[in-house]
Each structure stands twice: as structure tokens, then as C-alpha cells.
Amino acid sequence: MEIHVHMILGAVLASILGVVIFLIAALDNPFRGKVSVGPDSIALVYETLLTQDKSGTSAGGAALPRP
């Protein structure tokens, strides 16, 4: 192969690795920063799936053990 082909392939590989490393660093802390996950989503899941109604089953229909 000619040298310019190696240079192009090397640049493409370096670009892909740079984007992957950037995404790993950017998405490493989902609870910090301007774009973050708030507690509202977690509370909604807890209320929907883990709380019991009066019949002793969860809102999703599965029976949960009583404490």
C-alpha cells in the first residue's frame, strides 16, 4: 500500500478512538453536570414498580413479600 492510504486509515482509527474515549469520559458521571439524570425518574420507577397496593401486590402485578 502507498503511504497516503496508511495515513488516511491511521487518521480514521485515531478519530474513532478519540470519539470513544470522549464518550466514555462524558457519560461516566450521569448524575453530575448540566445534562444529568435527576431523582424524578428514579422515584417514578420506585413508585410504579416497587410500592405495594392494598392487595399485597406491586403495581406491576407481582407479589412482594411483606416486611
C-alpha atoms as a PDB file:
ATOM      1  CA  MET A   1       0.000   0.000   0.000  1.00  0.00           C
ATOM      2  CA  GLU A   2       1.047   3.556  -0.515  1.00  0.00           C
ATOM      3  CA  ILE A   3       1.867   5.826   2.405  1.00  0.00           C
ATOM      4  CA  HIS A   4      -1.152   8.116   1.973  1.00  0.00           C
ATOM      5  CA  VAL A   5      -3.506   5.137   2.393  1.00  0.00           C
ATOM      6  CA  HIS A   6      -1.815   4.303   5.704  1.00  0.00           C
ATOM      7  CA  MET A   7      -2.111   7.917   6.804  1.00  0.00           C
ATOM      8  CA  ILE A   8      -5.832   8.042   5.995  1.00  0.00           C
ATOM      9  CA  LEU A   9      -6.557   4.755   7.758  1.00  0.00           C
ATOM     10  CA  GLY A  10      -4.486   5.866  10.758  1.00  0.00           C
ATOM     11  CA  ALA A  11      -6.399   9.150  10.945  1.00  0.00           C
ATOM     12  CA  VAL A  12      -9.745   7.328  10.793  1.00  0.00           C
ATOM     13  CA  LEU A  13      -8.684   4.929  13.535  1.00  0.00           C
ATOM     14  CA  ALA A  14      -7.380   7.765  15.721  1.00  0.00           C
ATOM     15  CA  SER A  15     -10.633   9.687  15.223  1.00  0.00           C
ATOM     16  CA  ILE A  16     -12.776   6.724  16.208  1.00  0.00           C
ATOM     17  CA  LEU A  17     -10.662   6.043  19.294  1.00  0.00           C
ATOM     18  CA  GLY A  18     -10.818   9.720  20.260  1.00  0.00           C
ATOM     19  CA  VAL A  19     -14.616   9.777  19.979  1.00  0.00           C
ATOM     20  CA  VAL A  20     -14.923   6.579  22.034  1.00  0.00           C
ATOM     21  CA  ILE A  21     -12.669   7.924  24.797  1.00  0.00           C
ATOM     22  CA  PHE A  22     -14.557  11.234  24.805  1.00  0.00           C
ATOM     23  CA  LEU A  23     -17.925   9.458  25.109  1.00  0.00           C
ATOM     24  CA  ILE A  24     -16.660   7.270  27.946  1.00  0.00           C
ATOM     25  CA  ALA A  25     -15.466  10.343  29.836  1.00  0.00           C
ATOM     26  CA  ALA A  26     -18.609  12.363  29.085  1.00  0.00           C
ATOM     27  CA  LEU A  27     -21.055   9.614  30.077  1.00  0.00           C
ATOM     28  CA  ASP A  28     -19.108   8.376  33.102  1.00  0.00           C
ATOM     29  CA  ASN A  29     -20.975  10.509  35.670  1.00  0.00           C
ATOM     30  CA  PRO A  30     -24.678  10.598  34.732  1.00  0.00           C
ATOM     31  CA  PHE A  31     -25.710  12.382  37.961  1.00  0.00           C
ATOM     32  CA  ARG A  32     -23.420  15.433  37.523  1.00  0.00           C
ATOM     33  CA  GLY A  33     -23.259  18.294  35.078  1.00  0.00           C
ATOM     34  CA  LYS A  34     -25.691  20.301  33.006  1.00  0.00           C
ATOM     35  CA  VAL A  35     -27.214  17.262  31.320  1.00  0.00           C
ATOM     36  CA  SER A  36     -27.849  14.798  34.140  1.00  0.00           C
ATOM     37  CA  VAL A  37     -30.350  12.299  35.427  1.00  0.00           C
ATOM     38  CA  GLY A  38     -32.457  13.708  38.231  1.00  0.00           C
ATOM     39  CA  PRO A  39     -34.124  11.846  41.080  1.00  0.00           C
ATOM     40  CA  ASP A  40     -37.568  12.227  39.492  1.00  0.00           C
ATOM     41  CA  SER A  41     -37.034   9.305  37.104  1.00  0.00           C
ATOM     42  CA  ILE A  42     -35.816   7.003  39.854  1.00  0.00           C
ATOM     43  CA  ALA A  43     -38.720   7.993  42.130  1.00  0.00           C
ATOM     44  CA  LEU A  44     -41.213   7.304  39.329  1.00  0.00           C
ATOM     45  CA  VAL A  45     -39.794   3.822  38.766  1.00  0.00           C
ATOM     46  CA  TYR A  46     -39.848   3.144  42.509  1.00  0.00           C
ATOM     47  CA  GLU A  47     -43.440   4.264  42.854  1.00  0.00           C
ATOM     48  CA  THR A  48     -44.553   2.348  39.776  1.00  0.00           C
ATOM     49  CA  LEU A  49     -42.773  -0.954  40.312  1.00  0.00           C
ATOM     50  CA  LEU A  50     -41.862  -1.323  43.964  1.00  0.00           C
ATOM     51  CA  THR A  51     -44.713   0.068  46.002  1.00  0.00           C
ATOM     52  CA  GLN A  52     -47.489  -2.218  47.162  1.00  0.00           C
ATOM     53  CA  ASP A  53     -51.162  -1.582  46.858  1.00  0.00           C
ATOM     54  CA  LYS A  54     -53.688  -2.813  49.443  1.00  0.00           C
ATOM     55  CA  SER A  55     -53.968  -6.302  47.932  1.00  0.00           C
ATOM     56  CA  GLY A  56     -50.307  -7.075  48.633  1.00  0.00           C
ATOM     57  CA  THR A  57     -49.174  -6.996  45.039  1.00  0.00           C
ATOM     58  CA  SER A  58     -46.953  -4.442  43.399  1.00  0.00           C
ATOM     59  CA  ALA A  59     -48.289  -2.034  40.815  1.00  0.00           C
ATOM     60  CA  GLY A  60     -46.742  -4.289  38.161  1.00  0.00           C
ATOM     61  CA  GLY A  61     -48.786  -7.267  39.391  1.00  0.00           C
ATOM     62  CA  ALA A  62     -46.044  -9.350  41.031  1.00  0.00           C
ATOM     63  CA  ALA A  63     -46.496 -10.398  44.622  1.00  0.00           C
ATOM     64  CA  LEU A  64     -43.967  -8.871  47.007  1.00  0.00           C
ATOM     65  CA  PRO A  65     -43.047 -10.231  50.452  1.00  0.00           C
ATOM     66  CA  ARG A  66     -44.345  -8.213  53.376  1.00  0.00           C
ATOM     67  CA  PRO A  67     -41.726  -6.846  55.774  1.00  0.00           C
END
